[in-house]
PDB file of N, CA and C in Angstrom:
ATOM      1  N   MET A   1     112.584 145.885 114.141  1.00  0.00           N
ATOM      2  CA  MET A   1     111.383 145.363 114.589  1.00  0.00           C
ATOM      3  C   MET A   1     111.247 143.911 114.022  1.00  0.00           C
ATOM      4  N   LEU A   2     110.860 142.990 114.914  1.00  0.00           N
ATOM      5  CA  LEU A   2     110.750 141.604 114.518  1.00  0.00           C
ATOM      6  C   LEU A   2     109.309 141.246 114.104  1.00  0.00           C
ATOM      7  N   CYS A   3     109.141 140.349 113.255  1.00  0.00           N
ATOM      8  CA  CYS A   3     107.836 139.908 112.779  1.00  0.00           C
ATOM      9  C   CYS A   3     107.240 138.996 113.886  1.00  0.00           C
ATOM     10  N   GLY A   4     106.064 139.300 114.326  1.00  0.00           N
ATOM     11  CA  GLY A   4     105.400 138.537 115.431  1.00  0.00           C
ATOM     12  C   GLY A   4     105.209 137.054 115.029  1.00  0.00           C
ATOM     13  N   ALA A   5     104.880 136.754 113.803  1.00  0.00           N
ATOM     14  CA  ALA A   5     104.668 135.381 113.370  1.00  0.00           C
ATOM     15  C   ALA A   5     105.954 134.568 113.368  1.00  0.00           C
ATOM     16  N   CYS A   6     107.079 135.220 113.125  1.00  0.00           N
ATOM     17  CA  CYS A   6     108.351 134.535 112.991  1.00  0.00           C
ATOM     18  C   CYS A   6     109.003 134.306 114.383  1.00  0.00           C
ATOM     19  N   SER A   7     108.665 135.104 115.359  1.00  0.00           N
ATOM     20  CA  SER A   7     109.358 135.010 116.615  1.00  0.00           C
ATOM     21  C   SER A   7     108.753 133.976 117.549  1.00  0.00           C
ATOM     22  N   SER A   8     107.567 133.445 117.249  1.00  0.00           N
ATOM     23  CA  SER A   8     106.948 132.457 118.128  1.00  0.00           C
ATOM     24  C   SER A   8     107.416 131.035 117.737  1.00  0.00           C
ATOM     25  N   LYS A   9     107.231 130.107 118.685  1.00  0.00           N
ATOM     26  CA  LYS A   9     107.617 128.678 118.411  1.00  0.00           C
ATOM     27  C   LYS A   9     106.684 128.116 117.418  1.00  0.00           C
ATOM     28  N   PRO A  10     107.173 127.174 116.544  1.00  0.00           N
ATOM     29  CA  PRO A  10     106.305 126.587 115.559  1.00  0.00           C
ATOM     30  C   PRO A  10     105.317 125.581 116.324  1.00  0.00           C
ATOM     31  N   GLN A  11     104.135 125.446 115.786  1.00  0.00           N
ATOM     32  CA  GLN A  11     103.172 124.580 116.399  1.00  0.00           C
ATOM     33  C   GLN A  11     103.448 123.194 115.965  1.00  0.00           C
ATOM     34  N   VAL A  12     103.443 122.192 116.914  1.00  0.00           N
ATOM     35  CA  VAL A  12     103.704 120.808 116.595  1.00  0.00           C
ATOM     36  C   VAL A  12     102.348 120.127 116.297  1.00  0.00           C
ATOM     37  N   VAL A  13     102.267 119.459 115.130  1.00  0.00           N
ATOM     38  CA  VAL A  13     101.028 118.772 114.768  1.00  0.00           C
ATOM     39  C   VAL A  13     101.372 117.268 114.730  1.00  0.00           C
ATOM     40  N   THR A  14     100.569 116.493 115.449  1.00  0.00           N
ATOM     41  CA  THR A  14     100.741 115.023 115.463  1.00  0.00           C
ATOM     42  C   THR A  14      99.630 114.431 114.603  1.00  0.00           C
ATOM     43  N   VAL A  15     100.064 113.628 113.664  1.00  0.00           N
ATOM     44  CA  VAL A  15      99.159 112.889 112.760  1.00  0.00           C
ATOM     45  C   VAL A  15      99.249 111.402 113.091  1.00  0.00           C
ATOM     46  N   THR A  16      98.078 110.729 113.449  1.00  0.00           N
ATOM     47  CA  THR A  16      98.088 109.323 113.750  1.00  0.00           C
ATOM     48  C   THR A  16      97.546 108.586 112.497  1.00  0.00           C
ATOM     49  N   ASP A  17      98.298 107.623 112.107  1.00  0.00           N
ATOM     50  CA  ASP A  17      97.886 106.801 110.959  1.00  0.00           C
ATOM     51  C   ASP A  17      97.788 105.378 111.449  1.00  0.00           C
ATOM     52  N   THR A  18      96.604 104.821 111.418  1.00  0.00           N
ATOM     53  CA  THR A  18      96.340 103.429 111.890  1.00  0.00           C
ATOM     54  C   THR A  18      96.652 102.434 110.754  1.00  0.00           C
ATOM     55  N   VAL A  19      97.453 101.471 111.026  1.00  0.00           N
ATOM     56  CA  VAL A  19      97.840 100.404 110.115  1.00  0.00           C
ATOM     57  C   VAL A  19      97.357  99.131 110.694  1.00  0.00           C
ATOM     58  N   TYR A  20      96.536  98.421 110.005  1.00  0.00           N
ATOM     59  CA  TYR A  20      95.986  97.093 110.459  1.00  0.00           C
ATOM     60  C   TYR A  20      96.880  95.977 109.845  1.00  0.00           C
ATOM     61  N   ILE A  21      97.405  95.156 110.756  1.00  0.00           N
ATOM     62  CA  ILE A  21      98.283  94.059 110.308  1.00  0.00           C
ATOM     63  C   ILE A  21      97.556  92.765 110.627  1.00  0.00           C
ATOM     64  N   ARG A  22      97.420  91.963 109.662  1.00  0.00           N
ATOM     65  CA  ARG A  22      96.723  90.681 109.802  1.00  0.00           C
ATOM     66  C   ARG A  22      97.740  89.558 110.118  1.00  0.00           C
ATOM     67  N   PRO A  23      97.343  88.544 110.879  1.00  0.00           N
ATOM     68  CA  PRO A  23      98.181  87.353 111.035  1.00  0.00           C
ATOM     69  C   PRO A  23      98.485  86.677 109.761  1.00  0.00           C
ATOM     70  N   PRO A  24      99.522  85.945 109.743  1.00  0.00           N
ATOM     71  CA  PRO A  24      99.837  85.161 108.484  1.00  0.00           C
ATOM     72  C   PRO A  24      98.710  84.286 108.051  1.00  0.00           C
ATOM     73  N   GLU A  25      98.545  84.063 106.784  1.00  0.00           N
ATOM     74  CA  GLU A  25      97.417  83.270 106.316  1.00  0.00           C
ATOM     75  C   GLU A  25      97.393  81.818 106.833  1.00  0.00           C
ATOM     76  N   TYR A  26      98.573  81.245 106.997  1.00  0.00           N
ATOM     77  CA  TYR A  26      98.596  79.860 107.475  1.00  0.00           C
ATOM     78  C   TYR A  26      98.017  79.722 108.884  1.00  0.00           C
ATOM     79  N   LEU A  27      97.952  80.779 109.653  1.00  0.00           N
ATOM     80  CA  LEU A  27      97.329  80.710 110.922  1.00  0.00           C
ATOM     81  C   LEU A  27      95.833  81.013 110.904  1.00  0.00           C
ATOM     82  N   LEU A  28      95.306  81.410 109.791  1.00  0.00           N
ATOM     83  CA  LEU A  28      93.963  81.747 109.642  1.00  0.00           C
ATOM     84  C   LEU A  28      93.067  80.690 108.861  1.00  0.00           C
ATOM     85  N   LYS A  29      93.722  79.695 108.374  1.00  0.00           N
ATOM     86  CA  LYS A  29      92.939  78.697 107.667  1.00  0.00           C
ATOM     87  C   LYS A  29      92.034  77.905 108.582  1.00  0.00           C
ATOM     88  N   PRO A  30      90.930  77.414 108.136  1.00  0.00           N
ATOM     89  CA  PRO A  30      90.029  76.636 109.016  1.00  0.00           C
ATOM     90  C   PRO A  30      90.694  75.361 109.591  1.00  0.00           C
ATOM     91  N   CYS A  31      90.259  75.007 110.769  1.00  0.00           N
ATOM     92  CA  CYS A  31      90.819  73.755 111.387  1.00  0.00           C
ATOM     93  C   CYS A  31      90.230  72.554 110.717  1.00  0.00           C
ATOM     94  N   ALA A  32      91.033  71.539 110.649  1.00  0.00           N
ATOM     95  CA  ALA A  32      90.619  70.238 110.065  1.00  0.00           C
ATOM     96  C   ALA A  32      89.541  69.605 110.973  1.00  0.00           C
ATOM     97  N   LYS A  33      88.648  68.907 110.386  1.00  0.00           N
ATOM     98  CA  LYS A  33      87.608  68.220 111.157  1.00  0.00           C
ATOM     99  C   LYS A  33      87.512  66.742 110.694  1.00  0.00           C
ATOM    100  N   THR A  34      87.739  65.887 111.572  1.00  0.00           N
ATOM    101  CA  THR A  34      87.740  64.426 111.268  1.00  0.00           C
ATOM    102  C   THR A  34      86.288  64.017 110.918  1.00  0.00           C
ATOM    103  N   ALA A  35      86.148  63.316 109.793  1.00  0.00           N
ATOM    104  CA  ALA A  35      84.850  62.858 109.340  1.00  0.00           C
ATOM    105  C   ALA A  35      84.373  61.702 110.245  1.00  0.00           C
ATOM    106  N   PRO A  36      83.092  61.647 110.527  1.00  0.00           N
ATOM    107  CA  PRO A  36      82.571  60.548 111.352  1.00  0.00           C
ATOM    108  C   PRO A  36      82.672  59.208 110.530  1.00  0.00           C
ATOM    109  N   PRO A  37      82.798  58.048 111.208  1.00  0.00           N
ATOM    110  CA  PRO A  37      83.021  56.808 110.549  1.00  0.00           C
ATOM    111  C   PRO A  37      81.755  56.433 109.794  1.00  0.00           C
ATOM    112  N   ALA A  38      81.945  55.648 108.658  1.00  0.00           N
ATOM    113  CA  ALA A  38      80.822  55.185 107.921  1.00  0.00           C
ATOM    114  C   ALA A  38      80.098  54.049 108.650  1.00  0.00           C
ATOM    115  N   SER A  39      80.806  53.198 109.357  1.00  0.00           N
ATOM    116  CA  SER A  39      80.222  52.155 110.135  1.00  0.00           C
ATOM    117  C   SER A  39      80.276  52.531 111.582  1.00  0.00           C
ATOM    118  N   GLY A  40      79.560  51.825 112.425  1.00  0.00           N
ATOM    119  CA  GLY A  40      79.506  52.226 113.846  1.00  0.00           C
ATOM    120  C   GLY A  40      80.056  51.215 114.831  1.00  0.00           C
ATOM    121  N   THR A  41      81.194  50.640 114.466  1.00  0.00           N
ATOM    122  CA  THR A  41      81.759  49.642 115.386  1.00  0.00           C
ATOM    123  C   THR A  41      82.501  50.435 116.499  1.00  0.00           C
ATOM    124  N   ASN A  42      82.774  49.815 117.629  1.00  0.00           N
ATOM    125  CA  ASN A  42      83.435  50.491 118.715  1.00  0.00           C
ATOM    126  C   ASN A  42      84.816  50.972 118.235  1.00  0.00           C
ATOM    127  N   TRP A  43      85.495  50.115 117.471  1.00  0.00           N
ATOM    128  CA  TRP A  43      86.830  50.511 116.995  1.00  0.00           C
ATOM    129  C   TRP A  43      86.747  51.802 116.154  1.00  0.00           C
ATOM    130  N   ASP A  44      85.810  51.822 115.250  1.00  0.00           N
ATOM    131  CA  ASP A  44      85.592  53.056 114.392  1.00  0.00           C
ATOM    132  C   ASP A  44      85.313  54.254 115.297  1.00  0.00           C
ATOM    133  N   LEU A  45      84.510  54.126 116.264  1.00  0.00           N
ATOM    134  CA  LEU A  45      84.174  55.231 117.162  1.00  0.00           C
ATOM    135  C   LEU A  45      85.429  55.715 118.007  1.00  0.00           C
ATOM    136  N   LEU A  46      86.221  54.719 118.371  1.00  0.00           N
ATOM    137  CA  LEU A  46      87.426  55.016 119.113  1.00  0.00           C
ATOM    138  C   LEU A  46      88.365  55.857 118.258  1.00  0.00           C
ATOM    139  N   GLN A  47      88.547  55.386 117.021  1.00  0.00           N
ATOM    140  CA  GLN A  47      89.443  56.091 116.085  1.00  0.00           C
ATOM    141  C   GLN A  47      88.924  57.508 115.780  1.00  0.00           C
ATOM    142  N   PHE A  48      87.572  57.606 115.658  1.00  0.00           N
ATOM    143  CA  PHE A  48      86.919  58.877 115.415  1.00  0.00           C
ATOM    144  C   PHE A  48      87.220  59.809 116.627  1.00  0.00           C
ATOM    145  N   ALA A  49      87.078  59.345 117.811  1.00  0.00           N
ATOM    146  CA  ALA A  49      87.301  60.137 119.068  1.00  0.00           C
ATOM    147  C   ALA A  49      88.766  60.584 119.118  1.00  0.00           C
ATOM    148  N   ILE A  50      89.683  59.683 118.776  1.00  0.00           N
ATOM    149  CA  ILE A  50      91.126  60.039 118.772  1.00  0.00           C
ATOM    150  C   ILE A  50      91.389  61.158 117.722  1.00  0.00           C
ATOM    151  N   GLY A  51      90.750  60.988 116.591  1.00  0.00           N
ATOM    152  CA  GLY A  51      90.934  62.009 115.439  1.00  0.00           C
ATOM    153  C   GLY A  51      90.411  63.339 115.883  1.00  0.00           C
ATOM    154  N   LEU A  52      89.276  63.343 116.558  1.00  0.00           N
ATOM    155  CA  LEU A  52      88.740  64.648 117.074  1.00  0.00           C
ATOM    156  C   LEU A  52      89.710  65.293 118.057  1.00  0.00           C
ATOM    157  N   GLY A  53      90.241  64.447 118.965  1.00  0.00           N
ATOM    158  CA  GLY A  53      91.209  64.988 119.953  1.00  0.00           C
ATOM    159  C   GLY A  53      92.411  65.589 119.254  1.00  0.00           C
ATOM    160  N   LEU A  54      92.937  64.943 118.175  1.00  0.00           N
ATOM    161  CA  LEU A  54      94.057  65.457 117.429  1.00  0.00           C
ATOM    162  C   LEU A  54      93.715  66.728 116.683  1.00  0.00           C
ATOM    163  N   ASP A  55      92.476  66.791 116.169  1.00  0.00           N
ATOM    164  CA  ASP A  55      92.046  68.028 115.576  1.00  0.00           C
ATOM    165  C   ASP A  55      92.029  69.207 116.505  1.00  0.00           C
ATOM    166  N   LEU A  56      91.546  68.936 117.782  1.00  0.00           N
ATOM    167  CA  LEU A  56      91.436  69.959 118.766  1.00  0.00           C
ATOM    168  C   LEU A  56      92.839  70.413 119.223  1.00  0.00           C
ATOM    169  N   ASP A  57      93.810  69.417 119.306  1.00  0.00           N
ATOM    170  CA  ASP A  57      95.217  69.815 119.677  1.00  0.00           C
ATOM    171  C   ASP A  57      95.808  70.694 118.597  1.00  0.00           C
ATOM    172  N   ALA A  58      95.560  70.381 117.305  1.00  0.00           N
ATOM    173  CA  ALA A  58      96.068  71.210 116.235  1.00  0.00           C
ATOM    174  C   ALA A  58      95.524  72.639 116.300  1.00  0.00           C
ATOM    175  N   CYS A  59      94.250  72.771 116.529  1.00  0.00           N
ATOM    176  CA  CYS A  59      93.606  74.090 116.627  1.00  0.00           C
ATOM    177  C   CYS A  59      94.136  74.862 117.793  1.00  0.00           C
ATOM    178  N   ASN A  60      94.307  74.188 118.947  1.00  0.00           N
ATOM    179  CA  ASN A  60      94.845  74.878 120.129  1.00  0.00           C
ATOM    180  C   ASN A  60      96.281  75.353 119.819  1.00  0.00           C
ATOM    181  N   GLU A  61      97.058  74.545 119.124  1.00  0.00           N
ATOM    182  CA  GLU A  61      98.420  74.944 118.791  1.00  0.00           C
ATOM    183  C   GLU A  61      98.415  76.201 117.901  1.00  0.00           C
ATOM    184  N   ARG A  62      97.500  76.218 116.942  1.00  0.00           N
ATOM    185  CA  ARG A  62      97.394  77.385 116.086  1.00  0.00           C
ATOM    186  C   ARG A  62      96.941  78.630 116.858  1.00  0.00           C
ATOM    187  N   ILE A  63      96.046  78.502 117.777  1.00  0.00           N
ATOM    188  CA  ILE A  63      95.702  79.627 118.595  1.00  0.00           C
ATOM    189  C   ILE A  63      96.857  80.175 119.413  1.00  0.00           C
ATOM    190  N   GLY A  64      97.662  79.214 119.918  1.00  0.00           N
ATOM    191  CA  GLY A  64      98.893  79.589 120.658  1.00  0.00           C
ATOM    192  C   GLY A  64      99.857  80.408 119.749  1.00  0.00           C
ATOM    193  N   LEU A  65      99.965  79.973 118.477  1.00  0.00           N
ATOM    194  CA  LEU A  65     100.872  80.646 117.506  1.00  0.00           C
ATOM    195  C   LEU A  65     100.314  82.097 117.219  1.00  0.00           C
ATOM    196  N   ILE A  66      98.995  82.192 117.123  1.00  0.00           N
ATOM    197  CA  ILE A  66      98.372  83.516 116.883  1.00  0.00           C
ATOM    198  C   ILE A  66      98.689  84.436 118.063  1.00  0.00           C
ATOM    199  N   LYS A  67      98.546  83.882 119.325  1.00  0.00           N
ATOM    200  CA  LYS A  67      98.855  84.693 120.465  1.00  0.00           C
ATOM    201  C   LYS A  67     100.260  85.112 120.508  1.00  0.00           C
ATOM    202  N   GLU A  68     101.243  84.252 120.164  1.00  0.00           N
ATOM    203  CA  GLU A  68     102.621  84.582 120.110  1.00  0.00           C
ATOM    204  C   GLU A  68     102.859  85.692 119.039  1.00  0.00           C
ATOM    205  N   TRP A  69     102.225  85.504 117.856  1.00  0.00           N
ATOM    206  CA  TRP A  69     102.385  86.470 116.808  1.00  0.00           C
ATOM    207  C   TRP A  69     101.854  87.896 117.260  1.00  0.00           C
ATOM    208  N   SER A  70     100.750  87.891 117.940  1.00  0.00           N
ATOM    209  CA  SER A  70     100.194  89.184 118.367  1.00  0.00           C
ATOM    210  C   SER A  70     100.959  89.861 119.446  1.00  0.00           C
ATOM    211  N   ALA A  71     101.731  89.072 120.162  1.00  0.00           N
ATOM    212  CA  ALA A  71     102.521  89.668 121.263  1.00  0.00           C
ATOM    213  C   ALA A  71     103.782  90.349 120.793  1.00  0.00           C
ATOM    214  N   GLN A  72     104.150  90.091 119.483  1.00  0.00           N
ATOM    215  CA  GLN A  72     105.383  90.682 118.901  1.00  0.00           C
ATOM    216  C   GLN A  72     105.249  92.172 118.698  1.00  0.00           C
TER     217      GLN A  72
END
């Protein structure tokens, strides 16, 4: 006579373990912000506007790198 508990298939148990992975720290640091000029000449304002555009370009590049990292 066979044991009823031994003759059945074993029950499969699935355990899900969630692991949170953060992006690298160099992608999470705050974006640089160009300081406004001390004087208000047109040249100073032009340089300020150019600096803001470069800051925005750098942040957009970092966002692109985060998107690439998350797609891996």
